[in-house]
All heavy atoms as atom14 arrays in JSON, in Angstrom:
{
  "sequence": "DLADILTAISKFEADGADLILLTGGMSVDPDDLTPTAIRESGAEVITQ",
  "atom14_mask": [
    [1, 1, 1, 1, 1, 1, 1, 1, 0, 0, 0, 0, 0, 0],
    [1, 1, 1, 1, 1, 1, 1, 1, 0, 0, 0, 0, 0, 0],
    [1, 1, 1, 1, 1, 0, 0, 0, 0, 0, 0, 0, 0, 0],
    [1, 1, 1, 1, 1, 1, 1, 1, 0, 0, 0, 0, 0, 0],
    [1, 1, 1, 1, 1, 1, 1, 1, 0, 0, 0, 0, 0, 0],
    [1, 1, 1, 1, 1, 1, 1, 1, 0, 0, 0, 0, 0, 0],
    [1, 1, 1, 1, 1, 1, 1, 0, 0, 0, 0, 0, 0, 0],
    [1, 1, 1, 1, 1, 0, 0, 0, 0, 0, 0, 0, 0, 0],
    [1, 1, 1, 1, 1, 1, 1, 1, 0, 0, 0, 0, 0, 0],
    [1, 1, 1, 1, 1, 1, 0, 0, 0, 0, 0, 0, 0, 0],
    [1, 1, 1, 1, 1, 1, 1, 1, 1, 0, 0, 0, 0, 0],
    [1, 1, 1, 1, 1, 1, 1, 1, 1, 1, 1, 0, 0, 0],
    [1, 1, 1, 1, 1, 1, 1, 1, 1, 0, 0, 0, 0, 0],
    [1, 1, 1, 1, 1, 0, 0, 0, 0, 0, 0, 0, 0, 0],
    [1, 1, 1, 1, 1, 1, 1, 1, 0, 0, 0, 0, 0, 0],
    [1, 1, 1, 1, 0, 0, 0, 0, 0, 0, 0, 0, 0, 0],
    [1, 1, 1, 1, 1, 0, 0, 0, 0, 0, 0, 0, 0, 0],
    [1, 1, 1, 1, 1, 1, 1, 1, 0, 0, 0, 0, 0, 0],
    [1, 1, 1, 1, 1, 1, 1, 1, 0, 0, 0, 0, 0, 0],
    [1, 1, 1, 1, 1, 1, 1, 1, 0, 0, 0, 0, 0, 0],
    [1, 1, 1, 1, 1, 1, 1, 1, 0, 0, 0, 0, 0, 0],
    [1, 1, 1, 1, 1, 1, 1, 1, 0, 0, 0, 0, 0, 0],
    [1, 1, 1, 1, 1, 1, 1, 0, 0, 0, 0, 0, 0, 0],
    [1, 1, 1, 1, 0, 0, 0, 0, 0, 0, 0, 0, 0, 0],
    [1, 1, 1, 1, 0, 0, 0, 0, 0, 0, 0, 0, 0, 0],
    [1, 1, 1, 1, 1, 1, 1, 1, 0, 0, 0, 0, 0, 0],
    [1, 1, 1, 1, 1, 1, 0, 0, 0, 0, 0, 0, 0, 0],
    [1, 1, 1, 1, 1, 1, 1, 0, 0, 0, 0, 0, 0, 0],
    [1, 1, 1, 1, 1, 1, 1, 1, 0, 0, 0, 0, 0, 0],
    [1, 1, 1, 1, 1, 1, 1, 0, 0, 0, 0, 0, 0, 0],
    [1, 1, 1, 1, 1, 1, 1, 1, 0, 0, 0, 0, 0, 0],
    [1, 1, 1, 1, 1, 1, 1, 1, 0, 0, 0, 0, 0, 0],
    [1, 1, 1, 1, 1, 1, 1, 1, 0, 0, 0, 0, 0, 0],
    [1, 1, 1, 1, 1, 1, 1, 0, 0, 0, 0, 0, 0, 0],
    [1, 1, 1, 1, 1, 1, 1, 0, 0, 0, 0, 0, 0, 0],
    [1, 1, 1, 1, 1, 1, 1, 0, 0, 0, 0, 0, 0, 0],
    [1, 1, 1, 1, 1, 0, 0, 0, 0, 0, 0, 0, 0, 0],
    [1, 1, 1, 1, 1, 1, 1, 1, 0, 0, 0, 0, 0, 0],
    [1, 1, 1, 1, 1, 1, 1, 1, 1, 1, 1, 0, 0, 0],
    [1, 1, 1, 1, 1, 1, 1, 1, 1, 0, 0, 0, 0, 0],
    [1, 1, 1, 1, 1, 1, 0, 0, 0, 0, 0, 0, 0, 0],
    [1, 1, 1, 1, 0, 0, 0, 0, 0, 0, 0, 0, 0, 0],
    [1, 1, 1, 1, 1, 0, 0, 0, 0, 0, 0, 0, 0, 0],
    [1, 1, 1, 1, 1, 1, 1, 1, 1, 0, 0, 0, 0, 0],
    [1, 1, 1, 1, 1, 1, 1, 0, 0, 0, 0, 0, 0, 0],
    [1, 1, 1, 1, 1, 1, 1, 1, 0, 0, 0, 0, 0, 0],
    [1, 1, 1, 1, 1, 1, 1, 0, 0, 0, 0, 0, 0, 0],
    [1, 1, 1, 1, 1, 1, 1, 1, 1, 0, 0, 0, 0, 0]
  ],
  "atom14_positions": [
    [[10.5, -2.52, 1.13], [10.26, -3.6, 2.08], [8.77, -3.65, 2.4], [8.19, -2.64, 2.85], [11.06, -3.36, 3.37], [10.84, -4.45, 4.38], [11.51, -5.51, 4.26], [9.99, -4.26, 5.28], [0.0, 0.0, 0.0], [0.0, 0.0, 0.0], [0.0, 0.0, 0.0], [0.0, 0.0, 0.0], [0.0, 0.0, 0.0], [0.0, 0.0, 0.0]],
    [[8.14, -4.78, 2.14], [6.7, -4.92, 2.3], [6.24, -4.59, 3.71], [5.26, -3.87, 3.91], [6.27, -6.33, 1.9], [4.77, -6.61, 1.87], [4.06, -5.67, 0.9], [4.53, -8.06, 1.47], [0.0, 0.0, 0.0], [0.0, 0.0, 0.0], [0.0, 0.0, 0.0], [0.0, 0.0, 0.0], [0.0, 0.0, 0.0], [0.0, 0.0, 0.0]],
    [[6.94, -5.09, 4.72], [6.54, -4.85, 6.12], [6.57, -3.36, 6.45], [5.68, -2.85, 7.12], [7.45, -5.64, 7.07], [0.0, 0.0, 0.0], [0.0, 0.0, 0.0], [0.0, 0.0, 0.0], [0.0, 0.0, 0.0], [0.0, 0.0, 0.0], [0.0, 0.0, 0.0], [0.0, 0.0, 0.0], [0.0, 0.0, 0.0], [0.0, 0.0, 0.0]],
    [[7.58, -2.65, 5.97], [7.67, -1.21, 6.24], [6.53, -0.44, 5.58], [5.97, 0.48, 6.17], [9.01, -0.66, 5.77], [10.17, -1.06, 6.66], [9.93, -1.56, 7.78], [11.33, -0.86, 6.24], [0.0, 0.0, 0.0], [0.0, 0.0, 0.0], [0.0, 0.0, 0.0], [0.0, 0.0, 0.0], [0.0, 0.0, 0.0], [0.0, 0.0, 0.0]],
    [[6.2, -0.82, 4.35], [5.1, -0.14, 3.64], [3.78, -0.42, 4.36], [2.98, 0.5, 4.58], [5.04, -0.58, 2.17], [6.35, -0.22, 1.45], [3.85, 0.07, 1.46], [6.5, -0.86, 0.08], [0.0, 0.0, 0.0], [0.0, 0.0, 0.0], [0.0, 0.0, 0.0], [0.0, 0.0, 0.0], [0.0, 0.0, 0.0], [0.0, 0.0, 0.0]],
    [[3.56, -1.66, 4.77], [2.33, -2.0, 5.49], [2.24, -1.27, 6.82], [1.17, -0.82, 7.23], [2.23, -3.51, 5.7], [1.9, -4.31, 4.44], [2.12, -5.8, 4.68], [0.49, -4.03, 3.98], [0.0, 0.0, 0.0], [0.0, 0.0, 0.0], [0.0, 0.0, 0.0], [0.0, 0.0, 0.0], [0.0, 0.0, 0.0], [0.0, 0.0, 0.0]],
    [[3.37, -1.12, 7.5], [3.39, -0.38, 8.77], [3.01, 1.07, 8.55], [2.23, 1.65, 9.32], [4.79, -0.48, 9.43], [5.05, -1.85, 9.73], [4.87, 0.35, 10.69], [0.0, 0.0, 0.0], [0.0, 0.0, 0.0], [0.0, 0.0, 0.0], [0.0, 0.0, 0.0], [0.0, 0.0, 0.0], [0.0, 0.0, 0.0], [0.0, 0.0, 0.0]],
    [[3.54, 1.68, 7.49], [3.2, 3.07, 7.19], [1.72, 3.23, 6.87], [1.07, 4.17, 7.34], [4.06, 3.58, 6.04], [0.0, 0.0, 0.0], [0.0, 0.0, 0.0], [0.0, 0.0, 0.0], [0.0, 0.0, 0.0], [0.0, 0.0, 0.0], [0.0, 0.0, 0.0], [0.0, 0.0, 0.0], [0.0, 0.0, 0.0], [0.0, 0.0, 0.0]],
    [[1.17, 2.31, 6.08], [-0.27, 2.35, 5.77], [-1.08, 2.26, 7.06], [-2.0, 3.05, 7.29], [-0.66, 1.22, 4.79], [-0.07, 1.47, 3.41], [-2.19, 1.08, 4.71], [-0.22, 0.29, 2.44], [0.0, 0.0, 0.0], [0.0, 0.0, 0.0], [0.0, 0.0, 0.0], [0.0, 0.0, 0.0], [0.0, 0.0, 0.0], [0.0, 0.0, 0.0]],
    [[-0.74, 1.32, 7.91], [-1.47, 1.13, 9.17], [-1.39, 2.35, 10.07], [-2.38, 2.73, 10.7], [-0.92, -0.09, 9.93], [-1.18, -1.26, 9.22], [0.0, 0.0, 0.0], [0.0, 0.0, 0.0], [0.0, 0.0, 0.0], [0.0, 0.0, 0.0], [0.0, 0.0, 0.0], [0.0, 0.0, 0.0], [0.0, 0.0, 0.0], [0.0, 0.0, 0.0]],
    [[-0.23, 2.99, 10.12], [-0.08, 4.17, 10.97], [-0.95, 5.31, 10.48], [-1.64, 5.95, 11.27], [1.37, 4.61, 11.04], [1.54, 5.89, 11.87], [2.93, 6.15, 12.29], [3.11, 7.38, 13.15], [2.0, 8.25, 13.41], [0.0, 0.0, 0.0], [0.0, 0.0, 0.0], [0.0, 0.0, 0.0], [0.0, 0.0, 0.0], [0.0, 0.0, 0.0]],
    [[-0.93, 5.58, 9.17], [-1.77, 6.65, 8.65], [-3.25, 6.34, 8.86], [-4.04, 7.23, 9.2], [-1.48, 6.92, 7.16], [-0.27, 7.78, 6.95], [0.87, 7.26, 6.37], [-0.26, 9.11, 7.34], [2.0, 8.04, 6.17], [0.86, 9.91, 7.16], [1.99, 9.38, 6.56], [0.0, 0.0, 0.0], [0.0, 0.0, 0.0], [0.0, 0.0, 0.0]],
    [[-3.62, 5.1, 8.69], [-5.01, 4.7, 8.92], [-5.39, 4.93, 10.38], [-6.44, 5.5, 10.68], [-5.2, 3.24, 8.52], [-6.62, 2.76, 8.66], [-6.77, 1.29, 8.32], [-5.77, 0.57, 8.22], [-7.94, 0.87, 8.14], [0.0, 0.0, 0.0], [0.0, 0.0, 0.0], [0.0, 0.0, 0.0], [0.0, 0.0, 0.0], [0.0, 0.0, 0.0]],
    [[-4.54, 4.5, 11.3], [-4.79, 4.67, 12.74], [-4.84, 6.14, 13.14], [-5.59, 6.52, 14.04], [-3.72, 3.94, 13.55], [0.0, 0.0, 0.0], [0.0, 0.0, 0.0], [0.0, 0.0, 0.0], [0.0, 0.0, 0.0], [0.0, 0.0, 0.0], [0.0, 0.0, 0.0], [0.0, 0.0, 0.0], [0.0, 0.0, 0.0], [0.0, 0.0, 0.0]],
    [[-4.08, 6.97, 12.43], [-4.06, 8.41, 12.72], [-5.25, 9.15, 12.13], [-5.38, 10.36, 12.3], [-2.75, 9.04, 12.21], [-1.54, 8.63, 13.04], [-1.71, 8.05, 14.14], [-0.4, 8.88, 12.58], [0.0, 0.0, 0.0], [0.0, 0.0, 0.0], [0.0, 0.0, 0.0], [0.0, 0.0, 0.0], [0.0, 0.0, 0.0], [0.0, 0.0, 0.0]],
    [[-6.12, 8.44, 11.39], [-7.34, 9.04, 10.87], [-7.29, 9.54, 9.44], [-8.15, 10.31, 9.03], [0.0, 0.0, 0.0], [0.0, 0.0, 0.0], [0.0, 0.0, 0.0], [0.0, 0.0, 0.0], [0.0, 0.0, 0.0], [0.0, 0.0, 0.0], [0.0, 0.0, 0.0], [0.0, 0.0, 0.0], [0.0, 0.0, 0.0], [0.0, 0.0, 0.0]],
    [[-6.31, 9.1, 8.68], [-6.22, 9.53, 7.28], [-7.44, 9.05, 6.5], [-7.93, 7.94, 6.71], [-4.95, 9.0, 6.64], [0.0, 0.0, 0.0], [0.0, 0.0, 0.0], [0.0, 0.0, 0.0], [0.0, 0.0, 0.0], [0.0, 0.0, 0.0], [0.0, 0.0, 0.0], [0.0, 0.0, 0.0], [0.0, 0.0, 0.0], [0.0, 0.0, 0.0]],
    [[-7.93, 9.9, 5.61], [-9.0, 9.53, 4.68], [-8.43, 9.08, 3.35], [-9.09, 8.38, 2.6], [-9.94, 10.72, 4.43], [-10.68, 11.15, 5.66], [-11.16, 10.27, 6.4], [-10.77, 12.37, 5.9], [0.0, 0.0, 0.0], [0.0, 0.0, 0.0], [0.0, 0.0, 0.0], [0.0, 0.0, 0.0], [0.0, 0.0, 0.0], [0.0, 0.0, 0.0]],
    [[-7.22, 9.54, 3.04], [-6.58, 9.27, 1.77], [-5.1, 8.97, 2.03], [-4.44, 9.72, 2.74], [-6.7, 10.48, 0.84], [-5.98, 10.43, -0.49], [-6.56, 9.35, -1.39], [-6.05, 11.79, -1.18], [0.0, 0.0, 0.0], [0.0, 0.0, 0.0], [0.0, 0.0, 0.0], [0.0, 0.0, 0.0], [0.0, 0.0, 0.0], [0.0, 0.0, 0.0]],
    [[-4.62, 7.89, 1.44], [-3.21, 7.54, 1.54], [-2.69, 7.38, 0.11], [-3.2, 6.57, -0.65], [-2.99, 6.24, 2.33], [-3.52, 6.39, 3.76], [-1.5, 5.87, 2.35], [-3.53, 5.09, 4.57], [0.0, 0.0, 0.0], [0.0, 0.0, 0.0], [0.0, 0.0, 0.0], [0.0, 0.0, 0.0], [0.0, 0.0, 0.0], [0.0, 0.0, 0.0]],
    [[-1.7, 8.2, -0.24], [-1.07, 8.14, -1.55], [0.24, 7.37, -1.43], [1.05, 7.68, -0.56], [-0.77, 9.54, -2.08], [-1.98, 10.45, -2.31], [-1.52, 11.86, -2.68], [-2.87, 9.9, -3.39], [0.0, 0.0, 0.0], [0.0, 0.0, 0.0], [0.0, 0.0, 0.0], [0.0, 0.0, 0.0], [0.0, 0.0, 0.0], [0.0, 0.0, 0.0]],
    [[0.4, 6.37, -2.27], [1.62, 5.57, -2.28], [2.3, 5.74, -3.62], [1.65, 5.67, -4.66], [1.29, 4.1, -2.03], [0.63, 3.83, -0.68], [-0.85, 3.6, -0.86], [1.29, 2.66, -0.01], [0.0, 0.0, 0.0], [0.0, 0.0, 0.0], [0.0, 0.0, 0.0], [0.0, 0.0, 0.0], [0.0, 0.0, 0.0], [0.0, 0.0, 0.0]],
    [[3.61, 5.96, -3.59], [4.35, 6.16, -4.82], [5.49, 5.16, -4.91], [5.93, 4.61, -3.91], [4.94, 7.58, -4.91], [5.86, 7.76, -3.83], [3.84, 8.63, -4.81], [0.0, 0.0, 0.0], [0.0, 0.0, 0.0], [0.0, 0.0, 0.0], [0.0, 0.0, 0.0], [0.0, 0.0, 0.0], [0.0, 0.0, 0.0], [0.0, 0.0, 0.0]],
    [[5.96, 4.96, -6.12], [7.09, 4.06, -6.33], [6.65, 2.63, -6.48], [5.73, 2.17, -5.82], [0.0, 0.0, 0.0], [0.0, 0.0, 0.0], [0.0, 0.0, 0.0], [0.0, 0.0, 0.0], [0.0, 0.0, 0.0], [0.0, 0.0, 0.0], [0.0, 0.0, 0.0], [0.0, 0.0, 0.0], [0.0, 0.0, 0.0], [0.0, 0.0, 0.0]],
    [[7.3, 1.92, -7.36], [7.04, 0.5, -7.54], [5.63, 0.18, -7.99], [4.99, -0.72, -7.46], [0.0, 0.0, 0.0], [0.0, 0.0, 0.0], [0.0, 0.0, 0.0], [0.0, 0.0, 0.0], [0.0, 0.0, 0.0], [0.0, 0.0, 0.0], [0.0, 0.0, 0.0], [0.0, 0.0, 0.0], [0.0, 0.0, 0.0], [0.0, 0.0, 0.0]],
    [[5.13, 0.9, -8.99], [3.74, 0.7, -9.43], [3.61, -0.1, -10.72], [2.51, -0.29, -11.2], [3.05, 2.06, -9.62], [2.79, 2.8, -8.33], [1.82, 1.85, -7.15], [0.37, 1.5, -8.11], [0.0, 0.0, 0.0], [0.0, 0.0, 0.0], [0.0, 0.0, 0.0], [0.0, 0.0, 0.0], [0.0, 0.0, 0.0], [0.0, 0.0, 0.0]],
    [[4.71, -0.58, -11.3], [4.59, -1.3, -12.57], [4.15, -2.75, -12.33], [3.82, -3.13, -11.22], [5.9, -1.24, -13.35], [6.83, -2.14, -12.81], [0.0, 0.0, 0.0], [0.0, 0.0, 0.0], [0.0, 0.0, 0.0], [0.0, 0.0, 0.0], [0.0, 0.0, 0.0], [0.0, 0.0, 0.0], [0.0, 0.0, 0.0], [0.0, 0.0, 0.0]],
    [[4.19, -3.54, -13.37], [3.74, -4.93, -13.27], [4.88, -5.87, -12.92], [4.7, -7.08, -12.88], [3.06, -5.39, -14.58], [1.78, -4.63, -14.8], [4.0, -5.24, -15.76], [0.0, 0.0, 0.0], [0.0, 0.0, 0.0], [0.0, 0.0, 0.0], [0.0, 0.0, 0.0], [0.0, 0.0, 0.0], [0.0, 0.0, 0.0], [0.0, 0.0, 0.0]],
    [[6.05, -5.34, -12.64], [7.19, -6.16, -12.24], [6.89, -6.82, -10.9], [6.43, -6.16, -9.96], [8.43, -5.26, -12.12], [9.7, -6.04, -11.93], [9.72, -6.92, -11.05], [10.68, -5.76, -12.63], [0.0, 0.0, 0.0], [0.0, 0.0, 0.0], [0.0, 0.0, 0.0], [0.0, 0.0, 0.0], [0.0, 0.0, 0.0], [0.0, 0.0, 0.0]],
    [[7.12, -8.12, -10.76], [6.82, -8.8, -9.49], [7.6, -8.23, -8.3], [7.2, -8.41, -7.16], [7.22, -10.25, -9.74], [7.45, -10.4, -11.18], [7.61, -9.03, -11.77], [0.0, 0.0, 0.0], [0.0, 0.0, 0.0], [0.0, 0.0, 0.0], [0.0, 0.0, 0.0], [0.0, 0.0, 0.0], [0.0, 0.0, 0.0], [0.0, 0.0, 0.0]],
    [[8.71, -7.54, -8.57], [9.48, -6.94, -7.49], [8.89, -5.63, -6.99], [9.32, -5.11, -5.97], [10.92, -6.69, -7.93], [11.68, -7.98, -8.17], [11.26, -9.02, -7.62], [12.68, -7.95, -8.9], [0.0, 0.0, 0.0], [0.0, 0.0, 0.0], [0.0, 0.0, 0.0], [0.0, 0.0, 0.0], [0.0, 0.0, 0.0], [0.0, 0.0, 0.0]],
    [[7.94, -5.06, -7.71], [7.32, -3.81, -7.29], [6.31, -4.1, -6.18], [5.3, -4.76, -6.4], [6.66, -3.12, -8.47], [7.67, -2.6, -9.48], [8.81, -2.35, -9.06], [7.32, -2.46, -10.65], [0.0, 0.0, 0.0], [0.0, 0.0, 0.0], [0.0, 0.0, 0.0], [0.0, 0.0, 0.0], [0.0, 0.0, 0.0], [0.0, 0.0, 0.0]],
    [[6.61, -3.58, -5.0], [5.86, -3.98, -3.81], [4.65, -3.12, -3.49], [3.83, -3.52, -2.68], [6.81, -3.99, -2.6], [7.94, -5.0, -2.67], [8.85, -4.85, -1.45], [7.38, -6.41, -2.76], [0.0, 0.0, 0.0], [0.0, 0.0, 0.0], [0.0, 0.0, 0.0], [0.0, 0.0, 0.0], [0.0, 0.0, 0.0], [0.0, 0.0, 0.0]],
    [[4.53, -1.95, -4.07], [3.44, -1.07, -3.68], [2.06, -1.67, -3.94], [1.22, -1.69, -3.03], [3.6, 0.31, -4.35], [4.89, 0.83, -4.03], [2.54, 1.28, -3.86], [0.0, 0.0, 0.0], [0.0, 0.0, 0.0], [0.0, 0.0, 0.0], [0.0, 0.0, 0.0], [0.0, 0.0, 0.0], [0.0, 0.0, 0.0], [0.0, 0.0, 0.0]],
    [[1.76, -2.22, -5.13], [0.45, -2.85, -5.32], [0.23, -4.04, -4.37], [-0.88, -4.24, -3.87], [0.46, -3.3, -6.78], [1.47, -2.42, -7.44], [2.52, -2.18, -6.4], [0.0, 0.0, 0.0], [0.0, 0.0, 0.0], [0.0, 0.0, 0.0], [0.0, 0.0, 0.0], [0.0, 0.0, 0.0], [0.0, 0.0, 0.0], [0.0, 0.0, 0.0]],
    [[1.28, -4.79, -4.11], [1.18, -5.91, -3.17], [0.83, -5.4, -1.77], [-0.03, -5.96, -1.09], [2.5, -6.72, -3.13], [2.76, -7.21, -4.44], [2.41, -7.88, -2.16], [0.0, 0.0, 0.0], [0.0, 0.0, 0.0], [0.0, 0.0, 0.0], [0.0, 0.0, 0.0], [0.0, 0.0, 0.0], [0.0, 0.0, 0.0], [0.0, 0.0, 0.0]],
    [[1.49, -4.33, -1.35], [1.21, -3.76, -0.03], [-0.23, -3.27, 0.06], [-0.89, -3.47, 1.09], [2.19, -2.62, 0.26], [0.0, 0.0, 0.0], [0.0, 0.0, 0.0], [0.0, 0.0, 0.0], [0.0, 0.0, 0.0], [0.0, 0.0, 0.0], [0.0, 0.0, 0.0], [0.0, 0.0, 0.0], [0.0, 0.0, 0.0], [0.0, 0.0, 0.0]],
    [[-0.72, -2.64, -0.99], [-2.1, -2.17, -0.98], [-3.05, -3.35, -0.8], [-3.95, -3.31, 0.04], [-2.42, -1.38, -2.27], [-1.64, -0.05, -2.27], [-3.92, -1.14, -2.41], [-1.69, 0.7, -3.59], [0.0, 0.0, 0.0], [0.0, 0.0, 0.0], [0.0, 0.0, 0.0], [0.0, 0.0, 0.0], [0.0, 0.0, 0.0], [0.0, 0.0, 0.0]],
    [[-2.82, -4.43, -1.56], [-3.68, -5.62, -1.43], [-3.55, -6.24, -0.03], [-4.54, -6.6, 0.59], [-3.33, -6.65, -2.5], [-3.88, -6.34, -3.87], [-3.73, -7.5, -4.83], [-2.37, -7.99, -4.96], [-1.44, -7.44, -5.73], [-1.73, -6.39, -6.46], [-0.22, -7.95, -5.78], [0.0, 0.0, 0.0], [0.0, 0.0, 0.0], [0.0, 0.0, 0.0]],
    [[-2.32, -6.39, 0.44], [-2.1, -7.06, 1.73], [-2.5, -6.21, 2.93], [-2.59, -6.72, 4.03], [-0.65, -7.52, 1.84], [-0.36, -8.67, 0.89], [0.92, -9.42, 1.2], [1.49, -9.23, 2.3], [1.34, -10.21, 0.34], [0.0, 0.0, 0.0], [0.0, 0.0, 0.0], [0.0, 0.0, 0.0], [0.0, 0.0, 0.0], [0.0, 0.0, 0.0]],
    [[-2.8, -4.94, 2.7], [-3.28, -4.09, 3.8], [-4.71, -4.45, 4.18], [-5.21, -4.0, 5.21], [-3.22, -2.61, 3.4], [-4.26, -2.29, 2.47], [0.0, 0.0, 0.0], [0.0, 0.0, 0.0], [0.0, 0.0, 0.0], [0.0, 0.0, 0.0], [0.0, 0.0, 0.0], [0.0, 0.0, 0.0], [0.0, 0.0, 0.0], [0.0, 0.0, 0.0]],
    [[-5.36, -5.25, 3.34], [-6.75, -5.6, 3.58], [-7.71, -4.73, 2.78], [-8.92, -4.86, 2.9], [0.0, 0.0, 0.0], [0.0, 0.0, 0.0], [0.0, 0.0, 0.0], [0.0, 0.0, 0.0], [0.0, 0.0, 0.0], [0.0, 0.0, 0.0], [0.0, 0.0, 0.0], [0.0, 0.0, 0.0], [0.0, 0.0, 0.0], [0.0, 0.0, 0.0]],
    [[-7.17, -3.85, 1.96], [-8.01, -2.98, 1.16], [-8.61, -3.75, -0.01], [-8.02, -4.7, -0.52], [-7.18, -1.8, 0.63], [0.0, 0.0, 0.0], [0.0, 0.0, 0.0], [0.0, 0.0, 0.0], [0.0, 0.0, 0.0], [0.0, 0.0, 0.0], [0.0, 0.0, 0.0], [0.0, 0.0, 0.0], [0.0, 0.0, 0.0], [0.0, 0.0, 0.0]],
    [[-9.78, -3.31, -0.44], [-10.42, -3.86, -1.64], [-9.9, -3.07, -2.84], [-10.12, -1.86, -2.94], [-11.93, -3.72, -1.57], [-12.62, -4.12, -2.85], [-14.04, -3.59, -2.99], [-14.54, -2.91, -2.09], [-14.63, -3.86, -4.05], [0.0, 0.0, 0.0], [0.0, 0.0, 0.0], [0.0, 0.0, 0.0], [0.0, 0.0, 0.0], [0.0, 0.0, 0.0]],
    [[-9.2, -3.74, -3.73], [-8.66, -3.07, -4.9], [-9.79, -2.86, -5.91], [-10.44, -3.8, -6.34], [-7.5, -3.88, -5.54], [-7.03, -3.23, -6.83], [-6.35, -4.02, -4.55], [0.0, 0.0, 0.0], [0.0, 0.0, 0.0], [0.0, 0.0, 0.0], [0.0, 0.0, 0.0], [0.0, 0.0, 0.0], [0.0, 0.0, 0.0], [0.0, 0.0, 0.0]],
    [[-10.02, -1.6, -6.23], [-11.04, -1.25, -7.21], [-10.46, -1.38, -8.6], [-11.11, -1.88, -9.51], [-11.58, 0.17, -6.94], [-12.25, 0.21, -5.57], [-12.52, 0.62, -8.04], [-12.58, 1.6, -5.07], [0.0, 0.0, 0.0], [0.0, 0.0, 0.0], [0.0, 0.0, 0.0], [0.0, 0.0, 0.0], [0.0, 0.0, 0.0], [0.0, 0.0, 0.0]],
    [[-9.23, -0.9, -8.77], [-8.54, -1.09, -10.04], [-7.03, -1.08, -9.82], [-6.54, -0.37, -8.95], [-8.91, -0.03, -11.1], [-8.36, -0.41, -12.36], [-8.4, 1.35, -10.74], [0.0, 0.0, 0.0], [0.0, 0.0, 0.0], [0.0, 0.0, 0.0], [0.0, 0.0, 0.0], [0.0, 0.0, 0.0], [0.0, 0.0, 0.0], [0.0, 0.0, 0.0]],
    [[-6.35, -1.88, -10.59], [-4.9, -1.81, -10.68], [-4.6, -1.71, -12.16], [-4.54, -2.7, -12.88], [-4.21, -3.03, -10.08], [-2.7, -2.93, -10.15], [-1.99, -4.1, -9.52], [-2.58, -4.92, -8.82], [-0.7, -4.2, -9.79], [0.0, 0.0, 0.0], [0.0, 0.0, 0.0], [0.0, 0.0, 0.0], [0.0, 0.0, 0.0], [0.0, 0.0, 0.0]]
  ]
}
């Protein structure tokens, strides 16, 4: 769920994380939400 992934990213960021590792759903399938969540978090994607 995109909203849940974004919430988790925001919480770790707010808690002071320097590094956030995300797993699962990393392929090019449009249903894989992890790359979408990374982009929608406001992060600058260096590479996908």
